[in-house]
């Protein structure tokens, strides 16, 4: 990592907008993953992909602030210069007006954390009323996924090793919140869900997700879905016959 106090701002192109950064999300798990070398990325760029800013061009200003969205392949702050700077240049079609009354720091986080959680719950898992959903990790993204799943009418369970995270999950409407040992005991006794969404993605949570989706021969639900969200360097081993035998659909979600 290099701190450059005189980094030049390039000229924006016709389809781009120069914004003054009002708020940027602090180092998130994606940044940690990049810095730890999980991905082989030798490019030089400014980090920061959770952004809220105000356009500098007079014709776009109009007192609006904008939150920036993006796809993984063209994400600002991951391959392209991001918002850990005073100014950022963004594609115009990736800008979303921020509603009145929403603080810049909230809008910045919503552009990544909020969308990641929503995509996992609605697009990847297709959570609907009556579903039983188990969420691993009630942190920055997981606690939003819990609220989205509740909004769509699901019964939500949470697994997190931190007592404070379990307490928050219950306050936000989780039916139960387990630590890893408690969930292991429950799955052994036949606890079953329709969907698991894993924001931790290690060997332990992965196997517990499969166990919860398998349930037992008398209680396991049809069309179970396992959604992986978190970047992880862990190598996760599984049996294809196990997934096929119990009808478990495995998918992933990002941004």
Protein backbone atom coordinates (compact mmCIF):
# COMPACT_ATOMS: atom_id res chain seq x y z
CA UNK A 1 0.00 0.00 0.00
CA UNK A 2 1.28 3.47 -0.91
CA UNK A 3 -0.11 6.81 0.28
CA UNK A 4 0.14 9.41 -2.50
CA UNK A 5 -0.90 12.94 -1.57
CA UNK A 6 -0.44 14.27 -5.11
CA UNK A 7 -2.17 11.63 -7.22
CA UNK A 8 -3.19 13.22 -10.56
CA UNK A 9 -6.85 13.34 -11.59
CA UNK A 10 -7.25 12.28 -15.19
CA UNK A 11 -9.69 13.95 -17.57
CA UNK A 12 -13.15 12.38 -17.56
CA UNK A 13 -14.52 11.03 -20.83
CA UNK A 14 -17.94 11.70 -22.37
CA UNK A 15 -19.65 8.87 -20.51
CA UNK A 16 -17.97 9.58 -17.18
CA UNK A 17 -18.61 11.92 -14.25
CA UNK A 18 -16.10 13.52 -11.89
CA UNK A 19 -17.35 13.47 -8.30
CA UNK A 20 -16.03 14.90 -5.07
CA UNK A 21 -16.08 12.06 -2.56
CA UNK A 22 -18.37 12.76 0.39
CA UNK A 23 -18.10 9.35 2.02
CA UNK A 24 -16.31 6.06 1.41
CA UNK A 25 -16.66 2.76 3.20
CA UNK A 26 -13.67 1.83 5.34
CA UNK A 27 -11.64 -1.24 4.43
CA UNK A 28 -14.12 -4.09 3.93
CA UNK A 29 -13.61 -7.81 3.50
CA UNK A 30 -13.15 -7.44 -0.26
CA UNK A 31 -10.28 -5.01 0.32
CA UNK A 32 -8.74 -7.37 2.88
CA UNK A 33 -9.03 -10.20 0.35
CA UNK A 34 -7.25 -8.14 -2.30
CA UNK A 35 -4.49 -7.06 0.08
CA UNK A 36 -3.95 -10.57 1.44
CA UNK A 37 -3.17 -11.95 -2.00
CA UNK A 38 -6.12 -14.32 -2.37
CA UNK A 39 -6.49 -12.90 -5.87
CA UNK A 40 -3.40 -12.47 -8.01
CA UNK A 41 -3.80 -8.81 -8.93
CA UNK A 42 -0.69 -6.85 -9.92
CA UNK A 43 -2.54 -3.78 -11.14
CA UNK A 44 -1.99 -0.37 -9.53
CA UNK A 45 -5.15 1.46 -8.51
CA UNK A 46 -6.86 3.30 -5.67
CA UNK A 47 -8.97 1.14 -3.36
CA UNK A 48 -12.47 2.09 -2.24
CA UNK A 49 -15.63 0.66 -3.82
CA UNK A 50 -18.28 1.93 -1.38
CA UNK A 51 -18.81 5.50 -2.45
CA UNK A 52 -21.04 8.54 -2.21
CA UNK A 53 -20.11 11.80 -3.92
CA UNK A 54 -21.38 14.95 -5.57
CA UNK A 55 -20.78 15.71 -9.28
CA UNK A 56 -18.38 18.55 -10.06
CA UNK A 57 -19.76 19.30 -13.54
CA UNK A 58 -22.30 22.16 -13.38
CA UNK A 59 -24.79 20.38 -15.66
CA UNK A 60 -24.88 17.34 -13.37
CA UNK A 61 -24.63 18.99 -9.98
CA UNK A 62 -28.17 20.20 -9.24
CA UNK A 63 -27.43 19.65 -5.56
CA UNK A 64 -27.66 15.88 -5.99
CA UNK A 65 -25.39 13.38 -4.34
CA UNK A 66 -24.77 10.07 -6.01
CA UNK A 67 -24.06 6.58 -4.81
CA UNK A 68 -22.00 4.37 -7.09
CA UNK A 69 -22.92 0.83 -8.09
CA UNK A 70 -20.96 -1.53 -10.31
CA UNK A 71 -20.32 -5.02 -11.61
CA UNK A 72 -17.39 -7.09 -10.37
CA UNK A 73 -15.62 -6.89 -13.73
CA UNK A 74 -15.71 -3.09 -13.88
CA UNK A 75 -15.87 -2.24 -10.19
CA UNK A 76 -14.32 1.03 -9.10
CA UNK A 77 -11.82 0.31 -6.36
CA UNK A 78 -11.18 -3.20 -7.70
CA UNK A 79 -9.03 -2.77 -10.79
CA UNK A 80 -10.04 0.84 -11.40
CA UNK A 81 -9.34 3.87 -9.21
CA UNK A 82 -11.77 3.97 -6.29
CA UNK A 83 -12.86 6.39 -3.60
CA UNK A 84 -10.04 6.39 -1.07
CA UNK A 85 -9.28 9.81 -2.54
CA UNK A 86 -10.75 13.31 -2.72
CA UNK A 87 -12.19 12.78 -6.19
CA UNK A 88 -13.35 9.83 -8.25
CA UNK A 89 -14.31 9.39 -11.90
CA UNK A 90 -17.24 7.05 -12.45
CA UNK A 91 -19.24 5.82 -15.45
CA UNK A 92 -22.43 7.88 -15.67
CA UNK A 93 -24.60 4.76 -15.95
CA UNK A 94 -23.33 3.53 -12.57
CA UNK A 95 -24.62 6.55 -10.65
CA UNK A 96 -27.77 6.41 -8.56
CA UNK A 97 -29.30 9.58 -7.03
CA UNK A 98 -29.40 9.50 -3.25
CA UNK A 99 -32.85 10.26 -1.78
CA UNK A 100 -33.26 13.36 0.37
CA UNK A 101 -32.48 12.74 4.02
CA UNK A 102 -30.07 9.85 3.46
CA UNK A 103 -26.64 10.59 4.91
CA UNK A 104 -23.67 10.18 2.53
CA UNK A 105 -22.04 7.53 4.72
CA UNK A 106 -25.24 5.46 4.64
CA UNK A 107 -25.58 5.80 0.87
CA UNK A 108 -21.94 4.81 0.36
CA UNK A 109 -22.35 1.59 2.30
CA UNK A 110 -25.71 0.81 0.67
CA UNK A 111 -24.05 0.79 -2.74
CA UNK A 112 -22.08 -2.33 -1.79
CA UNK A 113 -23.20 -3.92 1.47
CA UNK A 114 -26.87 -3.24 0.87
CA UNK A 115 -26.78 -4.54 -2.70
CA UNK A 116 -24.69 -7.59 -1.80
CA UNK A 117 -27.15 -8.64 0.89
CA UNK A 118 -30.16 -7.98 -1.34
CA UNK A 119 -28.67 -9.89 -4.27
CA UNK A 120 -27.93 -12.87 -2.03
CA UNK A 121 -31.42 -12.98 -0.53
CA UNK A 122 -33.61 -12.08 -3.49
CA UNK A 123 -31.74 -12.93 -6.68
CA UNK A 124 -29.54 -15.86 -5.66
CA UNK A 125 -31.71 -17.49 -2.97
CA UNK A 126 -35.11 -16.25 -4.21
CA UNK A 127 -36.35 -16.11 -0.62
CA UNK A 128 -40.12 -15.96 -0.33
CA UNK A 129 -42.83 -16.04 2.29
CA UNK A 130 -42.81 -19.20 4.38
CA UNK A 131 -39.18 -20.12 3.68
CA UNK A 132 -36.84 -21.09 6.48
CA UNK A 133 -33.49 -19.35 6.03
CA UNK A 134 -30.25 -19.90 7.94
CA UNK A 135 -27.69 -17.08 7.73
CA UNK A 136 -24.06 -17.61 8.70
CA UNK A 137 -22.46 -14.41 9.96
CA UNK A 138 -24.53 -11.52 11.33
CA UNK A 139 -21.95 -8.85 10.59
CA UNK A 140 -22.09 -5.86 8.28
CA UNK A 141 -23.68 -7.75 5.38
CA UNK A 142 -25.36 -10.59 7.22
CA UNK A 143 -27.51 -8.42 9.47
CA UNK A 144 -28.92 -6.70 6.37
CA UNK A 145 -29.60 -10.06 4.73
CA UNK A 146 -31.53 -11.03 7.86
CA UNK A 147 -33.72 -7.94 7.53
CA UNK A 148 -34.28 -8.48 3.80
CA UNK A 149 -35.25 -12.12 4.38
CA UNK A 150 -37.69 -11.07 7.10
CA UNK A 151 -39.14 -8.45 4.75
CA UNK A 152 -39.85 -11.16 2.18
CA UNK A 153 -41.70 -13.23 4.78
CA UNK A 154 -39.10 -15.83 5.75
CA UNK A 155 -38.43 -17.37 9.13
CA UNK A 156 -34.78 -16.55 9.76
CA UNK A 157 -32.14 -18.31 11.86
CA UNK A 158 -28.62 -17.02 12.39
CA UNK A 159 -25.32 -18.66 13.29
CA UNK A 160 -22.45 -16.52 14.59
CA UNK A 161 -19.72 -17.24 17.13
CA UNK A 162 -19.93 -13.71 18.59
CA UNK A 163 -22.51 -13.22 21.39
CA UNK A 164 -23.03 -9.56 20.40
CA UNK A 165 -23.85 -10.56 16.82
CA UNK A 166 -26.35 -13.19 18.01
CA UNK A 167 -27.96 -10.63 20.30
CA UNK A 168 -28.30 -8.16 17.42
CA UNK A 169 -29.77 -10.87 15.19
CA UNK A 170 -32.49 -11.61 17.74
CA UNK A 171 -33.24 -7.90 18.12
CA UNK A 172 -33.64 -7.67 14.33
CA UNK A 173 -36.15 -10.51 14.24
CA UNK A 174 -34.24 -13.78 13.99
CA UNK A 175 -36.26 -16.68 15.39
CA UNK A 176 -33.13 -18.24 16.91
CA UNK A 177 -29.43 -17.40 16.94
CA UNK A 178 -26.90 -20.22 17.40
CA UNK A 179 -23.21 -20.51 18.03
CA UNK A 180 -21.40 -23.23 16.07
CA UNK A 181 -21.73 -25.89 18.76
CA UNK A 182 -25.43 -25.20 19.26
CA UNK A 183 -26.10 -25.43 15.53
CA UNK A 184 -24.12 -28.66 15.28
CA UNK A 185 -26.29 -30.19 17.99
CA UNK A 186 -29.47 -28.93 16.35
CA UNK A 187 -28.61 -30.28 12.90
CA UNK A 188 -27.72 -33.64 14.47
CA UNK A 189 -31.21 -33.64 15.97
CA UNK A 190 -32.80 -32.97 12.56
CA UNK A 191 -32.96 -29.18 12.31
CA UNK A 192 -33.66 -28.30 8.67
CA UNK A 193 -34.06 -25.18 6.54
CA UNK A 194 -34.86 -24.36 2.92
CA UNK A 195 -32.00 -21.96 2.32
CA UNK A 196 -28.59 -21.17 3.77
CA UNK A 197 -26.71 -17.95 3.03
CA UNK A 198 -23.07 -18.06 4.08
CA UNK A 199 -21.20 -14.81 4.73
CA UNK A 200 -18.31 -16.66 6.42
CA UNK A 201 -17.43 -19.41 3.93
CA UNK A 202 -15.11 -21.65 5.88
CA UNK A 203 -15.10 -25.42 6.14
CA UNK A 204 -17.14 -25.44 9.34
CA UNK A 205 -19.96 -23.20 8.14
CA UNK A 206 -20.06 -24.93 4.75
CA UNK A 207 -20.55 -28.36 6.30
CA UNK A 208 -23.11 -27.04 8.77
CA UNK A 209 -25.01 -25.48 5.88
CA UNK A 210 -25.18 -28.83 4.10
CA UNK A 211 -26.25 -30.55 7.31
CA UNK A 212 -29.05 -28.02 7.85
CA UNK A 213 -30.22 -28.40 4.26
CA UNK A 214 -30.17 -32.17 4.46
CA UNK A 215 -32.17 -32.21 7.68
CA UNK A 216 -33.51 -35.71 8.13
CA UNK A 217 -35.40 -38.12 5.90
CA UNK A 218 -38.68 -37.05 7.45
CA UNK A 219 -38.19 -33.29 7.65
CA UNK A 220 -35.83 -32.15 4.90
CA UNK A 221 -37.48 -29.56 2.61
CA UNK A 222 -37.49 -29.80 -1.20
CA UNK A 223 -35.37 -27.60 -3.47
CA UNK A 224 -32.90 -26.52 -0.82
CA UNK A 225 -30.51 -23.74 -1.82
CA UNK A 226 -26.99 -23.09 -0.55
CA UNK A 227 -25.72 -19.57 -1.30
CA UNK A 228 -22.06 -18.63 -0.85
CA UNK A 229 -21.32 -14.92 -0.57
CA UNK A 230 -18.01 -14.37 1.23
CA UNK A 231 -14.64 -14.42 -0.51
CA UNK A 232 -12.48 -17.07 1.13
CA UNK A 233 -9.10 -18.65 0.59
CA UNK A 234 -10.38 -21.89 2.14
CA UNK A 235 -10.69 -24.96 -0.04
CA UNK A 236 -14.16 -26.36 0.60
CA UNK A 237 -14.54 -30.09 0.02
CA UNK A 238 -17.94 -31.66 -0.60
CA UNK A 239 -19.55 -34.75 -2.03
CA UNK A 240 -21.48 -34.26 -5.26
CA UNK A 241 -23.53 -37.37 -4.48
CA UNK A 242 -24.58 -35.77 -1.18
CA UNK A 243 -25.77 -32.61 -2.91
CA UNK A 244 -27.57 -34.56 -5.62
CA UNK A 245 -29.18 -37.06 -3.25
CA UNK A 246 -30.71 -34.31 -1.13
CA UNK A 247 -31.53 -31.95 -4.01
CA UNK A 248 -29.26 -29.18 -2.75
CA UNK A 249 -28.70 -26.39 -5.25
CA UNK A 250 -25.40 -24.58 -4.72
CA UNK A 251 -24.95 -21.04 -6.02
CA UNK A 252 -23.14 -17.82 -5.19
CA UNK A 253 -23.74 -14.09 -5.01
CA UNK A 254 -21.50 -11.05 -5.19
CA UNK A 255 -22.12 -7.28 -5.19
